């Protein structure tokens, strides 16, 4: 295993560094301390050819500009909060609306557009980087001074483990995740229609026309969202079904049947490259998003234009809009308690 770092440009907040984590067994992951962004994941295919499997940019300027949260830490609240408000401890909080009247991924700036403090970590069986930041009280409308630590570790078994830890000095809500866009054939290989997927979930959170949860859970049986058995993403992504039309593809929160760090939440195969990615998490849900709003206007690594459905995201999380639905698993965090979450992306050849 190996850990190296080098400068990756600068911002008004300070210099940005890129950390390159190598498993020594094929997996290489690049992370910058601006936004805690995963900028590259390289892994060989079945014949040994190495490709970069995540969408992004060659230099910092791309990440400083407008983009759909490529690789970022998402906070304070991953996914949507309806009408940009919630009530906690009898106090109503009003957030920054950045998706019509709603809040998406924490608001106007979120966590992905800040420079975080960073340090290298070298253990006997893994190497990594830890990024930390204090989100001040009422940032984007969220209460409490929030101390956040996110650790990325790569081990000899070709696993990328992301661990989140946070504490607050006032009651708040929190739902952290990562927004990496994956294409197991390579970031510049086109759409992900032939990727095969399993998600171990028999229900999704039902949504209204703005993709805000209604509060009920909807069975996936008999719909294009039934990924309980292995099937190609392209088989349902353009289906004439209300759930697909609402999201312009897949953009749905899957409620895991057996949540827990030891259970596989999702598995993705690419038959051409032979690559497999498995996702393990202690979160109760995972959002499948198939880059439905890319349109070729965004130019990424190597000058490649990213088209619609060029990648998929598997964002491990609590449910969207949970602060407004007491029947959902709680996302409240109180002083004296610690927020902890762990997700593993495991890569192999099959």
Foldseek 3Di string as FASTA:
>chain_A
DDKDKDWFQADPVGTKMKIWWDAVQFWIWIFIQQQRFTAFIWGAFPVGDIFTWFWFADGCVRLLDDDDQARGKFDQAAAKAPQQWFDDPNDIWHFADDQVSIAHRRHDCGSNRGRWDKDWDDDPFKTWMKTWDWDAACDRGWGFTKIKIWIWIAGNQQKTKIKIKMATAFKTFGKIWTWIWGDPVHLQPFAQQAKKKAFQFQWFQDADLSRAGPQDIGGCPPALPHRNDIDGQNVHQPDPDVQNVSQLGFWTKGFHPDADQVDWRMKIADPVRQKIKTKGWNARIWTKDQQQPQCQPRQHYPRRGDHGSSGITTIRIFHHNCSHHVVGPGRMHGHPDMDIIMMMIGMDGD
